[in-house]
PDB file of N, CA and C in Angstrom:
ATOM      1  N   MET A   1       0.848  -1.172   0.000  1.00  0.00           N
ATOM      2  CA  MET A   1       0.000   0.000   0.000  1.00  0.00           C
ATOM      3  C   MET A   1       0.893   1.234   0.000  1.00  0.00           C
ATOM      4  N   SER A   2       0.700   2.095  -0.959  1.00  0.00           N
ATOM      5  CA  SER A   2       1.525   3.294  -1.024  1.00  0.00           C
ATOM      6  C   SER A   2       0.876   4.417  -0.223  1.00  0.00           C
ATOM      7  N   THR A   3       1.700   5.194   0.405  1.00  0.00           N
ATOM      8  CA  THR A   3       1.197   6.334   1.160  1.00  0.00           C
ATOM      9  C   THR A   3       1.479   7.589   0.362  1.00  0.00           C
ATOM     10  N   THR A   4       0.594   8.518   0.454  1.00  0.00           N
ATOM     11  CA  THR A   4       0.748   9.776  -0.266  1.00  0.00           C
ATOM     12  C   THR A   4       0.912  10.911   0.737  1.00  0.00           C
ATOM     13  N   PRO A   5       1.779  11.862   0.448  1.00  0.00           N
ATOM     14  CA  PRO A   5       1.992  12.953   1.404  1.00  0.00           C
ATOM     15  C   PRO A   5       0.873  13.989   1.367  1.00  0.00           C
ATOM     16  N   PHE A   6      -0.098  13.817   0.480  1.00  0.00           N
ATOM     17  CA  PHE A   6      -1.132  14.822   0.321  1.00  0.00           C
ATOM     18  C   PHE A   6      -2.428  14.375   0.970  1.00  0.00           C
ATOM     19  N   THR A   7      -3.100  15.314   1.562  1.00  0.00           N
ATOM     20  CA  THR A   7      -4.329  15.010   2.272  1.00  0.00           C
ATOM     21  C   THR A   7      -5.525  15.163   1.342  1.00  0.00           C
ATOM     22  N   ALA A   8      -6.668  14.771   1.850  1.00  0.00           N
ATOM     23  CA  ALA A   8      -7.911  14.939   1.095  1.00  0.00           C
ATOM     24  C   ALA A   8      -8.201  16.427   0.889  1.00  0.00           C
ATOM     25  N   ALA A   9      -7.824  17.248   1.851  1.00  0.00           N
ATOM     26  CA  ALA A   9      -8.040  18.692   1.707  1.00  0.00           C
ATOM     27  C   ALA A   9      -7.212  19.253   0.557  1.00  0.00           C
ATOM     28  N   HIS A  10      -5.995  18.741   0.404  1.00  0.00           N
ATOM     29  CA  HIS A  10      -5.144  19.175  -0.711  1.00  0.00           C
ATOM     30  C   HIS A  10      -5.788  18.796  -2.041  1.00  0.00           C
ATOM     31  N   ARG A  11      -6.257  17.575  -2.144  1.00  0.00           N
ATOM     32  CA  ARG A  11      -6.908  17.125  -3.385  1.00  0.00           C
ATOM     33  C   ARG A  11      -8.155  17.957  -3.671  1.00  0.00           C
ATOM     34  N   PHE A  12      -8.923  18.235  -2.630  1.00  0.00           N
ATOM     35  CA  PHE A  12     -10.123  19.052  -2.793  1.00  0.00           C
ATOM     36  C   PHE A  12      -9.771  20.438  -3.318  1.00  0.00           C
ATOM     37  N   HIS A  13      -8.708  21.033  -2.780  1.00  0.00           N
ATOM     38  CA  HIS A  13      -8.294  22.367  -3.218  1.00  0.00           C
ATOM     39  C   HIS A  13      -7.875  22.357  -4.691  1.00  0.00           C
ATOM     40  N   VAL A  14      -7.122  21.345  -5.089  1.00  0.00           N
ATOM     41  CA  VAL A  14      -6.670  21.247  -6.480  1.00  0.00           C
ATOM     42  C   VAL A  14      -7.867  21.045  -7.410  1.00  0.00           C
ATOM     43  N   LYS A  15      -8.777  20.146  -7.037  1.00  0.00           N
ATOM     44  CA  LYS A  15      -9.969  19.902  -7.859  1.00  0.00           C
ATOM     45  C   LYS A  15     -10.842  21.143  -7.944  1.00  0.00           C
ATOM     46  N   SER A  16     -10.967  21.844  -6.842  1.00  0.00           N
ATOM     47  CA  SER A  16     -11.768  23.064  -6.822  1.00  0.00           C
ATOM     48  C   SER A  16     -11.172  24.124  -7.738  1.00  0.00           C
ATOM     49  N   LEU A  17      -9.861  24.286  -7.670  1.00  0.00           N
ATOM     50  CA  LEU A  17      -9.194  25.247  -8.553  1.00  0.00           C
ATOM     51  C   LEU A  17      -9.393  24.863 -10.021  1.00  0.00           C
ATOM     52  N   TYR A  18      -9.263  23.593 -10.321  1.00  0.00           N
ATOM     53  CA  TYR A  18      -9.456  23.107 -11.689  1.00  0.00           C
ATOM     54  C   TYR A  18     -10.872  23.403 -12.181  1.00  0.00           C
ATOM     55  N   ARG A  19     -11.870  23.076 -11.371  1.00  0.00           N
ATOM     56  CA  ARG A  19     -13.261  23.320 -11.765  1.00  0.00           C
ATOM     57  C   ARG A  19     -13.541  24.806 -11.924  1.00  0.00           C
ATOM     58  N   ARG A  20     -13.013  25.629 -11.021  1.00  0.00           N
ATOM     59  CA  ARG A  20     -13.244  27.075 -11.118  1.00  0.00           C
ATOM     60  C   ARG A  20     -12.585  27.665 -12.353  1.00  0.00           C
ATOM     61  N   LEU A  21     -11.394  27.171 -12.702  1.00  0.00           N
ATOM     62  CA  LEU A  21     -10.742  27.636 -13.930  1.00  0.00           C
ATOM     63  C   LEU A  21     -11.551  27.244 -15.166  1.00  0.00           C
ATOM     64  N   LEU A  22     -12.063  26.016 -15.181  1.00  0.00           N
ATOM     65  CA  LEU A  22     -12.888  25.585 -16.308  1.00  0.00           C
ATOM     66  C   LEU A  22     -14.157  26.420 -16.420  1.00  0.00           C
ATOM     67  N   LYS A  23     -14.839  26.635 -15.304  1.00  0.00           N
ATOM     68  CA  LYS A  23     -16.072  27.410 -15.329  1.00  0.00           C
ATOM     69  C   LYS A  23     -15.814  28.850 -15.748  1.00  0.00           C
ATOM     70  N   ASN A  24     -14.721  29.422 -15.269  1.00  0.00           N
ATOM     71  CA  ASN A  24     -14.400  30.793 -15.643  1.00  0.00           C
ATOM     72  C   ASN A  24     -14.094  30.897 -17.135  1.00  0.00           C
ATOM     73  N   SER A  25     -13.389  29.922 -17.685  1.00  0.00           N
ATOM     74  CA  SER A  25     -13.112  29.978 -19.125  1.00  0.00           C
ATOM     75  C   SER A  25     -14.395  29.808 -19.926  1.00  0.00           C
ATOM     76  N   LEU A  26     -15.350  29.037 -19.410  1.00  0.00           N
ATOM     77  CA  LEU A  26     -16.638  28.888 -20.081  1.00  0.00           C
ATOM     78  C   LEU A  26     -17.452  30.177 -19.999  1.00  0.00           C
ATOM     79  N   ASP A  27     -17.279  30.947 -18.920  1.00  0.00           N
ATOM     80  CA  ASP A  27     -17.951  32.246 -18.826  1.00  0.00           C
ATOM     81  C   ASP A  27     -17.477  33.196 -19.924  1.00  0.00           C
ATOM     82  N   TRP A  28     -16.215  33.102 -20.304  1.00  0.00           N
ATOM     83  CA  TRP A  28     -15.660  33.984 -21.330  1.00  0.00           C
ATOM     84  C   TRP A  28     -15.944  33.486 -22.744  1.00  0.00           C
ATOM     85  N   THR A  29     -16.096  32.183 -22.918  1.00  0.00           N
ATOM     86  CA  THR A  29     -16.268  31.600 -24.242  1.00  0.00           C
ATOM     87  C   THR A  29     -17.599  30.867 -24.292  1.00  0.00           C
ATOM     88  N   ILE A  30     -18.516  31.355 -25.099  1.00  0.00           N
ATOM     89  CA  ILE A  30     -19.844  30.752 -25.154  1.00  0.00           C
ATOM     90  C   ILE A  30     -19.848  29.489 -25.995  1.00  0.00           C
ATOM     91  N   ARG A  31     -19.126  29.503 -27.109  1.00  0.00           N
ATOM     92  CA  ARG A  31     -19.140  28.352 -28.011  1.00  0.00           C
ATOM     93  C   ARG A  31     -18.337  27.201 -27.422  1.00  0.00           C
ATOM     94  N   ARG A  32     -18.976  26.038 -27.285  1.00  0.00           N
ATOM     95  CA  ARG A  32     -18.334  24.879 -26.667  1.00  0.00           C
ATOM     96  C   ARG A  32     -17.163  24.360 -27.490  1.00  0.00           C
ATOM     97  N   ASP A  33     -17.227  24.462 -28.811  1.00  0.00           N
ATOM     98  CA  ASP A  33     -16.126  23.945 -29.625  1.00  0.00           C
ATOM     99  C   ASP A  33     -14.843  24.749 -29.399  1.00  0.00           C
ATOM    100  N   ILE A  34     -14.970  26.035 -29.175  1.00  0.00           N
ATOM    101  CA  ILE A  34     -13.793  26.868 -28.860  1.00  0.00           C
ATOM    102  C   ILE A  34     -13.361  26.634 -27.412  1.00  0.00           C
ATOM    103  N   TRP A  35     -14.343  26.516 -26.526  1.00  0.00           N
ATOM    104  CA  TRP A  35     -14.038  26.312 -25.111  1.00  0.00           C
ATOM    105  C   TRP A  35     -13.320  24.984 -24.871  1.00  0.00           C
ATOM    106  N   ARG A  36     -13.661  23.984 -25.662  1.00  0.00           N
ATOM    107  CA  ARG A  36     -13.052  22.666 -25.481  1.00  0.00           C
ATOM    108  C   ARG A  36     -11.526  22.728 -25.585  1.00  0.00           C
ATOM    109  N   GLN A  37     -11.017  23.513 -26.532  1.00  0.00           N
ATOM    110  CA  GLN A  37      -9.566  23.669 -26.676  1.00  0.00           C
ATOM    111  C   GLN A  37      -8.972  24.336 -25.435  1.00  0.00           C
ATOM    112  N   GLN A  38      -9.662  25.326 -24.908  1.00  0.00           N
ATOM    113  CA  GLN A  38      -9.190  25.987 -23.688  1.00  0.00           C
ATOM    114  C   GLN A  38      -9.204  25.012 -22.505  1.00  0.00           C
ATOM    115  N   ALA A  39     -10.236  24.176 -22.442  1.00  0.00           N
ATOM    116  CA  ALA A  39     -10.326  23.180 -21.366  1.00  0.00           C
ATOM    117  C   ALA A  39      -9.176  22.189 -21.464  1.00  0.00           C
ATOM    118  N   LEU A  40      -8.818  21.797 -22.672  1.00  0.00           N
ATOM    119  CA  LEU A  40      -7.692  20.882 -22.846  1.00  0.00           C
ATOM    120  C   LEU A  40      -6.373  21.531 -22.426  1.00  0.00           C
ATOM    121  N   GLU A  41      -6.227  22.829 -22.676  1.00  0.00           N
ATOM    122  CA  GLU A  41      -5.013  23.542 -22.249  1.00  0.00           C
ATOM    123  C   GLU A  41      -4.938  23.617 -20.723  1.00  0.00           C
ATOM    124  N   ILE A  42      -6.064  23.869 -20.079  1.00  0.00           N
ATOM    125  CA  ILE A  42      -6.091  23.904 -18.620  1.00  0.00           C
ATOM    126  C   ILE A  42      -5.741  22.528 -18.066  1.00  0.00           C
ATOM    127  N   ARG A  43      -6.321  21.494 -18.656  1.00  0.00           N
ATOM    128  CA  ARG A  43      -6.036  20.126 -18.206  1.00  0.00           C
ATOM    129  C   ARG A  43      -4.563  19.779 -18.372  1.00  0.00           C
ATOM    130  N   SER A  44      -3.982  20.170 -19.523  1.00  0.00           N
ATOM    131  CA  SER A  44      -2.570  19.850 -19.748  1.00  0.00           C
ATOM    132  C   SER A  44      -1.670  20.557 -18.742  1.00  0.00           C
ATOM    133  N   GLU A  45      -2.045  21.758 -18.335  1.00  0.00           N
ATOM    134  CA  GLU A  45      -1.266  22.479 -17.319  1.00  0.00           C
ATOM    135  C   GLU A  45      -1.304  21.722 -15.986  1.00  0.00           C
ATOM    136  N   PHE A  46      -2.477  21.217 -15.613  1.00  0.00           N
ATOM    137  CA  PHE A  46      -2.581  20.443 -14.379  1.00  0.00           C
ATOM    138  C   PHE A  46      -1.828  19.125 -14.507  1.00  0.00           C
ATOM    139  N   GLU A  47      -1.927  18.476 -15.655  1.00  0.00           N
ATOM    140  CA  GLU A  47      -1.214  17.212 -15.864  1.00  0.00           C
ATOM    141  C   GLU A  47       0.300  17.412 -15.851  1.00  0.00           C
ATOM    142  N   ARG A  48       0.759  18.545 -16.380  1.00  0.00           N
ATOM    143  CA  ARG A  48       2.192  18.822 -16.415  1.00  0.00           C
ATOM    144  C   ARG A  48       2.766  18.894 -15.002  1.00  0.00           C
ATOM    145  N   ASN A  49       1.976  19.348 -14.054  1.00  0.00           N
ATOM    146  CA  ASN A  49       2.451  19.515 -12.679  1.00  0.00           C
ATOM    147  C   ASN A  49       1.951  18.416 -11.752  1.00  0.00           C
ATOM    148  N   ARG A  50       1.453  17.354 -12.302  1.00  0.00           N
ATOM    149  CA  ARG A  50       0.869  16.278 -11.514  1.00  0.00           C
ATOM    150  C   ARG A  50       1.874  15.591 -10.589  1.00  0.00           C
ATOM    151  N   ASN A  51       3.096  15.439 -11.013  1.00  0.00           N
ATOM    152  CA  ASN A  51       4.083  14.684 -10.249  1.00  0.00           C
ATOM    153  C   ASN A  51       4.977  15.544  -9.363  1.00  0.00           C
ATOM    154  N   VAL A  52       4.624  16.783  -9.165  1.00  0.00           N
ATOM    155  CA  VAL A  52       5.386  17.651  -8.271  1.00  0.00           C
ATOM    156  C   VAL A  52       5.111  17.208  -6.841  1.00  0.00           C
ATOM    157  N   THR A  53       6.184  16.975  -6.079  1.00  0.00           N
ATOM    158  CA  THR A  53       6.017  16.498  -4.709  1.00  0.00           C
ATOM    159  C   THR A  53       6.540  17.457  -3.652  1.00  0.00           C
ATOM    160  N   ASP A  54       7.300  18.453  -4.059  1.00  0.00           N
ATOM    161  CA  ASP A  54       7.843  19.422  -3.102  1.00  0.00           C
ATOM    162  C   ASP A  54       6.708  20.315  -2.595  1.00  0.00           C
ATOM    163  N   PRO A  55       6.446  20.339  -1.290  1.00  0.00           N
ATOM    164  CA  PRO A  55       5.332  21.136  -0.761  1.00  0.00           C
ATOM    165  C   PRO A  55       5.428  22.623  -1.090  1.00  0.00           C
ATOM    166  N   ARG A  56       6.648  23.165  -1.095  1.00  0.00           N
ATOM    167  CA  ARG A  56       6.795  24.590  -1.429  1.00  0.00           C
ATOM    168  C   ARG A  56       6.475  24.853  -2.888  1.00  0.00           C
ATOM    169  N   ALA A  57       6.909  23.951  -3.767  1.00  0.00           N
ATOM    170  CA  ALA A  57       6.602  24.099  -5.192  1.00  0.00           C
ATOM    171  C   ALA A  57       5.102  23.967  -5.433  1.00  0.00           C
ATOM    172  N   ILE A  58       4.462  23.055  -4.716  1.00  0.00           N
ATOM    173  CA  ILE A  58       3.011  22.881  -4.852  1.00  0.00           C
ATOM    174  C   ILE A  58       2.278  24.125  -4.374  1.00  0.00           C
ATOM    175  N   ALA A  59       2.703  24.667  -3.241  1.00  0.00           N
ATOM    176  CA  ALA A  59       2.078  25.885  -2.718  1.00  0.00           C
ATOM    177  C   ALA A  59       2.247  27.028  -3.711  1.00  0.00           C
ATOM    178  N   ASP A  60       3.425  27.110  -4.333  1.00  0.00           N
ATOM    179  CA  ASP A  60       3.664  28.149  -5.333  1.00  0.00           C
ATOM    180  C   ASP A  60       2.769  27.954  -6.553  1.00  0.00           C
ATOM    181  N   LEU A  61       2.624  26.710  -7.016  1.00  0.00           N
ATOM    182  CA  LEU A  61       1.756  26.431  -8.166  1.00  0.00           C
ATOM    183  C   LEU A  61       0.304  26.784  -7.858  1.00  0.00           C
ATOM    184  N   LEU A  62      -0.169  26.415  -6.666  1.00  0.00           N
ATOM    185  CA  LEU A  62      -1.540  26.740  -6.291  1.00  0.00           C
ATOM    186  C   LEU A  62      -1.746  28.245  -6.168  1.00  0.00           C
ATOM    187  N   ALA A  63      -0.766  28.935  -5.611  1.00  0.00           N
ATOM    188  CA  ALA A  63      -0.880  30.395  -5.492  1.00  0.00           C
ATOM    189  C   ALA A  63      -0.911  31.049  -6.868  1.00  0.00           C
ATOM    190  N   ARG A  64      -0.077  30.557  -7.802  1.00  0.00           N
ATOM    191  CA  ARG A  64      -0.097  31.107  -9.167  1.00  0.00           C
ATOM    192  C   ARG A  64      -1.422  30.803  -9.861  1.00  0.00           C
ATOM    193  N   GLY A  65      -1.969  29.605  -9.626  1.00  0.00           N
ATOM    194  CA  GLY A  65      -3.266  29.259 -10.207  1.00  0.00           C
ATOM    195  C   GLY A  65      -4.387  30.141  -9.682  1.00  0.00           C
ATOM    196  N   GLU A  66      -4.383  30.366  -8.368  1.00  0.00           N
ATOM    197  CA  GLU A  66      -5.399  31.249  -7.770  1.00  0.00           C
ATOM    198  C   GLU A  66      -5.247  32.680  -8.286  1.00  0.00           C
ATOM    199  N   ALA A  67      -3.996  33.141  -8.431  1.00  0.00           N
ATOM    200  CA  ALA A  67      -3.770  34.494  -8.952  1.00  0.00           C
ATOM    201  C   ALA A  67      -4.237  34.605 -10.398  1.00  0.00           C
ATOM    202  N   GLN A  68      -3.979  33.571 -11.186  1.00  0.00           N
ATOM    203  CA  GLN A  68      -4.438  33.573 -12.581  1.00  0.00           C
ATOM    204  C   GLN A  68      -5.966  33.613 -12.633  1.00  0.00           C
ATOM    205  N   LEU A  69      -6.609  32.835 -11.790  1.00  0.00           N
ATOM    206  CA  LEU A  69      -8.064  32.839 -11.746  1.00  0.00           C
ATOM    207  C   LEU A  69      -8.600  34.202 -11.333  1.00  0.00           C
ATOM    208  N   GLU A  70      -8.000  34.773 -10.310  1.00  0.00           N
ATOM    209  CA  GLU A  70      -8.437  36.091  -9.832  1.00  0.00           C
ATOM    210  C   GLU A  70      -8.261  37.158 -10.905  1.00  0.00           C
ATOM    211  N   ALA A  71      -7.175  37.082 -11.674  1.00  0.00           N
ATOM    212  CA  ALA A  71      -6.908  38.086 -12.708  1.00  0.00           C
ATOM    213  C   ALA A  71      -7.848  37.959 -13.898  1.00  0.00           C
ATOM    214  N   THR A  72      -8.389  36.750 -14.128  1.00  0.00           N
ATOM    215  CA  THR A  72      -9.219  36.549 -15.313  1.00  0.00           C
ATOM    216  C   THR A  72     -10.687  36.326 -14.999  1.00  0.00           C
ATOM    217  N   LEU A  73     -11.122  36.565 -13.756  1.00  0.00           N
ATOM    218  CA  LEU A  73     -12.524  36.352 -13.415  1.00  0.00           C
ATOM    219  C   LEU A  73     -13.436  37.198 -14.299  1.00  0.00           C
ATOM    220  N   HIS A  74     -14.518  36.601 -14.739  1.00  0.00           N
ATOM    221  CA  HIS A  74     -15.488  37.306 -15.568  1.00  0.00           C
ATOM    222  C   HIS A  74     -16.304  38.243 -14.684  1.00  0.00           C
ATOM    223  N   PRO A  75     -16.530  39.495 -15.133  1.00  0.00           N
ATOM    224  CA  PRO A  75     -17.270  40.439 -14.291  1.00  0.00           C
ATOM    225  C   PRO A  75     -18.753  40.090 -14.154  1.00  0.00           C
ATOM    226  N   ASP A  76     -19.305  39.360 -15.121  1.00  0.00           N
ATOM    227  CA  ASP A  76     -20.712  38.988 -15.096  1.00  0.00           C
ATOM    228  C   ASP A  76     -20.823  37.504 -15.458  1.00  0.00           C
ATOM    229  N   PRO A  77     -20.506  36.605 -14.515  1.00  0.00           N
ATOM    230  CA  PRO A  77     -20.470  35.177 -14.855  1.00  0.00           C
ATOM    231  C   PRO A  77     -21.852  34.654 -15.219  1.00  0.00           C
ATOM    232  N   TYR A  78     -21.849  33.602 -16.031  1.00  0.00           N
ATOM    233  CA  TYR A  78     -23.095  32.965 -16.448  1.00  0.00           C
ATOM    234  C   TYR A  78     -23.706  32.208 -15.280  1.00  0.00           C
ATOM    235  N   ILE A  79     -24.995  32.420 -15.073  1.00  0.00           N
ATOM    236  CA  ILE A  79     -25.736  31.686 -14.053  1.00  0.00           C
ATOM    237  C   ILE A  79     -26.865  30.961 -14.773  1.00  0.00           C
ATOM    238  N   PRO A  80     -26.932  29.639 -14.657  1.00  0.00           N
ATOM    239  CA  PRO A  80     -28.037  28.927 -15.306  1.00  0.00           C
ATOM    240  C   PRO A  80     -29.381  29.495 -14.835  1.00  0.00           C
ATOM    241  N   PRO A  81     -30.358  29.586 -15.723  1.00  0.00           N
ATOM    242  CA  PRO A  81     -31.622  30.251 -15.387  1.00  0.00           C
ATOM    243  C   PRO A  81     -32.325  29.709 -14.149  1.00  0.00           C
ATOM    244  N   SER A  82     -32.293  28.408 -13.917  1.00  0.00           N
ATOM    245  CA  SER A  82     -33.036  27.852 -12.786  1.00  0.00           C
ATOM    246  C   SER A  82     -32.225  27.794 -11.495  1.00  0.00           C
ATOM    247  N   PHE A  83     -30.982  28.259 -11.518  1.00  0.00           N
ATOM    248  CA  PHE A  83     -30.155  28.286 -10.313  1.00  0.00           C
ATOM    249  C   PHE A  83     -30.415  29.579  -9.534  1.00  0.00           C
ATOM    250  N   PRO A  84     -30.068  29.610  -8.225  1.00  0.00           N
ATOM    251  CA  PRO A  84     -30.252  30.856  -7.465  1.00  0.00           C
ATOM    252  C   PRO A  84     -29.522  32.016  -8.139  1.00  0.00           C
ATOM    253  N   GLY A  85     -30.257  33.099  -8.356  1.00  0.00           N
ATOM    254  CA  GLY A  85     -29.699  34.257  -9.037  1.00  0.00           C
ATOM    255  C   GLY A  85     -29.966  34.252 -10.530  1.00  0.00           C
ATOM    256  N   GLY A  86     -30.465  33.139 -11.058  1.00  0.00           N
ATOM    257  CA  GLY A  86     -30.786  33.039 -12.479  1.00  0.00           C
ATOM    258  C   GLY A  86     -32.109  33.722 -12.795  1.00  0.00           C
ATOM    259  N   SER A  87     -32.382  33.905 -14.071  1.00  0.00           N
ATOM    260  CA  SER A  87     -33.573  34.644 -14.484  1.00  0.00           C
ATOM    261  C   SER A  87     -34.876  33.902 -14.211  1.00  0.00           C
ATOM    262  N   LYS A  88     -34.843  32.595 -14.012  1.00  0.00           N
ATOM    263  CA  LYS A  88     -36.055  31.823 -13.739  1.00  0.00           C
ATOM    264  C   LYS A  88     -36.145  31.356 -12.290  1.00  0.00           C
ATOM    265  N   TRP A  89     -35.221  31.768 -11.448  1.00  0.00           N
ATOM    266  CA  TRP A  89     -35.193  31.290 -10.069  1.00  0.00           C
ATOM    267  C   TRP A  89     -36.485  31.674  -9.363  1.00  0.00           C
ATOM    268  N   GLU A  90     -37.182  30.690  -8.852  1.00  0.00           N
ATOM    269  CA  GLU A  90     -38.433  30.827  -8.112  1.00  0.00           C
ATOM    270  C   GLU A  90     -39.537  31.490  -8.936  1.00  0.00           C
ATOM    271  N   ARG A  91     -39.459  31.369 -10.248  1.00  0.00           N
ATOM    272  CA  ARG A  91     -40.534  31.865 -11.095  1.00  0.00           C
ATOM    273  C   ARG A  91     -41.538  30.734 -11.267  1.00  0.00           C
ATOM    274  N   ASN A  92     -42.822  31.052 -11.191  1.00  0.00           N
ATOM    275  CA  ASN A  92     -43.901  30.077 -11.349  1.00  0.00           C
ATOM    276  C   ASN A  92     -43.745  28.894 -10.397  1.00  0.00           C
ATOM    277  N   LEU A  93     -43.657  29.226  -9.124  1.00  0.00           N
ATOM    278  CA  LEU A  93     -43.560  28.178  -8.115  1.00  0.00           C
ATOM    279  C   LEU A  93     -44.833  27.335  -8.123  1.00  0.00           C
ATOM    280  N   PRO A  94     -44.730  26.050  -7.847  1.00  0.00           N
ATOM    281  CA  PRO A  94     -45.939  25.229  -7.800  1.00  0.00           C
ATOM    282  C   PRO A  94     -46.819  25.653  -6.620  1.00  0.00           C
ATOM    283  N   PRO A  95     -48.121  25.484  -6.759  1.00  0.00           N
ATOM    284  CA  PRO A  95     -48.999  25.878  -5.640  1.00  0.00           C
ATOM    285  C   PRO A  95     -48.765  24.971  -4.443  1.00  0.00           C
ATOM    286  N   PRO A  96     -49.112  25.449  -3.249  1.00  0.00           N
ATOM    287  CA  PRO A  96     -48.923  24.621  -2.056  1.00  0.00           C
ATOM    288  C   PRO A  96     -49.799  23.370  -2.130  1.00  0.00           C
ATOM    289  N   ILE A  97     -49.336  22.298  -1.529  1.00  0.00           N
ATOM    290  CA  ILE A  97     -50.047  21.027  -1.578  1.00  0.00           C
ATOM    291  C   ILE A  97     -51.228  21.006  -0.614  1.00  0.00           C
ATOM    292  N   GLU A  98     -51.083  21.581   0.557  1.00  0.00           N
ATOM    293  CA  GLU A  98     -52.156  21.554   1.537  1.00  0.00           C
ATOM    294  C   GLU A  98     -53.258  22.545   1.137  1.00  0.00           C
ATOM    295  N   PRO A  99     -54.509  22.218   1.480  1.00  0.00           N
ATOM    296  CA  PRO A  99     -55.616  23.121   1.115  1.00  0.00           C
ATOM    297  C   PRO A  99     -55.519  24.419   1.911  1.00  0.00           C
ATOM    298  N   PRO A 100     -56.057  25.501   1.355  1.00  0.00           N
ATOM    299  CA  PRO A 100     -56.023  26.772   2.099  1.00  0.00           C
ATOM    300  C   PRO A 100     -56.861  26.671   3.374  1.00  0.00           C
ATOM    301  N   VAL A 101     -56.463  27.403   4.380  1.00  0.00           N
ATOM    302  CA  VAL A 101     -57.153  27.379   5.670  1.00  0.00           C
ATOM    303  C   VAL A 101     -58.240  28.436   5.652  1.00  0.00           C
ATOM    304  N   ASP A 102     -59.439  28.031   6.007  1.00  0.00           N
ATOM    305  CA  ASP A 102     -60.555  28.969   6.099  1.00  0.00           C
ATOM    306  C   ASP A 102     -60.729  29.316   7.560  1.00  0.00           C
ATOM    307  N   TYR A 103     -60.320  30.508   7.956  1.00  0.00           N
ATOM    308  CA  TYR A 103     -60.354  30.915   9.347  1.00  0.00           C
ATOM    309  C   TYR A 103     -61.731  31.349   9.800  1.00  0.00           C
ATOM    310  N   ARG A 104     -62.686  31.526   8.886  1.00  0.00           N
ATOM    311  CA  ARG A 104     -64.046  31.950   9.270  1.00  0.00           C
ATOM    312  C   ARG A 104     -64.815  30.800   9.911  1.00  0.00           C
ATOM    313  N   HIS A 105     -64.544  29.593   9.479  1.00  0.00           N
ATOM    314  CA  HIS A 105     -65.244  28.430  10.006  1.00  0.00           C
ATOM    315  C   HIS A 105     -64.315  27.647  10.915  1.00  0.00           C
ATOM    316  N   THR A 106     -64.431  27.882  12.172  1.00  0.00           N
ATOM    317  CA  THR A 106     -63.611  27.130  13.123  1.00  0.00           C
ATOM    318  C   THR A 106     -64.456  26.079  13.794  1.00  0.00           C
ATOM    319  N   HIS A 107     -63.896  25.000  14.137  1.00  0.00           N
ATOM    320  CA  HIS A 107     -64.624  23.892  14.754  1.00  0.00           C
ATOM    321  C   HIS A 107     -64.546  23.958  16.235  1.00  0.00           C
TER     322      HIS A 107
END
C-alpha cells in the first residue's frame, strides 16, 4: 500500500481550482467547440504539474493558479436560469399542496 503525502483537503483544493478555472473559461467563451480547446489547455497544465512532490513548489503552483483565476474572473459570470440568481429562479412556483385554511369556520 503506497502512502501519499497529500491530504484529502489538498486534493479538494486542487480539484476546486481546476473546476473554477474551467467554469471561468466557459464564462468567457460561449461556443463549446472553442471552449473545449481551452479546457484541454487547462487540463494539460494540471497534468504537467501532476508529479510535483515538493510542498513549497506545490504551494507556489496553487498560489499562481489562484492568482491567474483572480486576474481573469469574468465580471458577469453565467448563471443557469433555474439556479439561485438566475432569471427563472423561483418563477412560477408550484402551488402549495395543503388546502387553504378557512379561518371563518372554526370547529
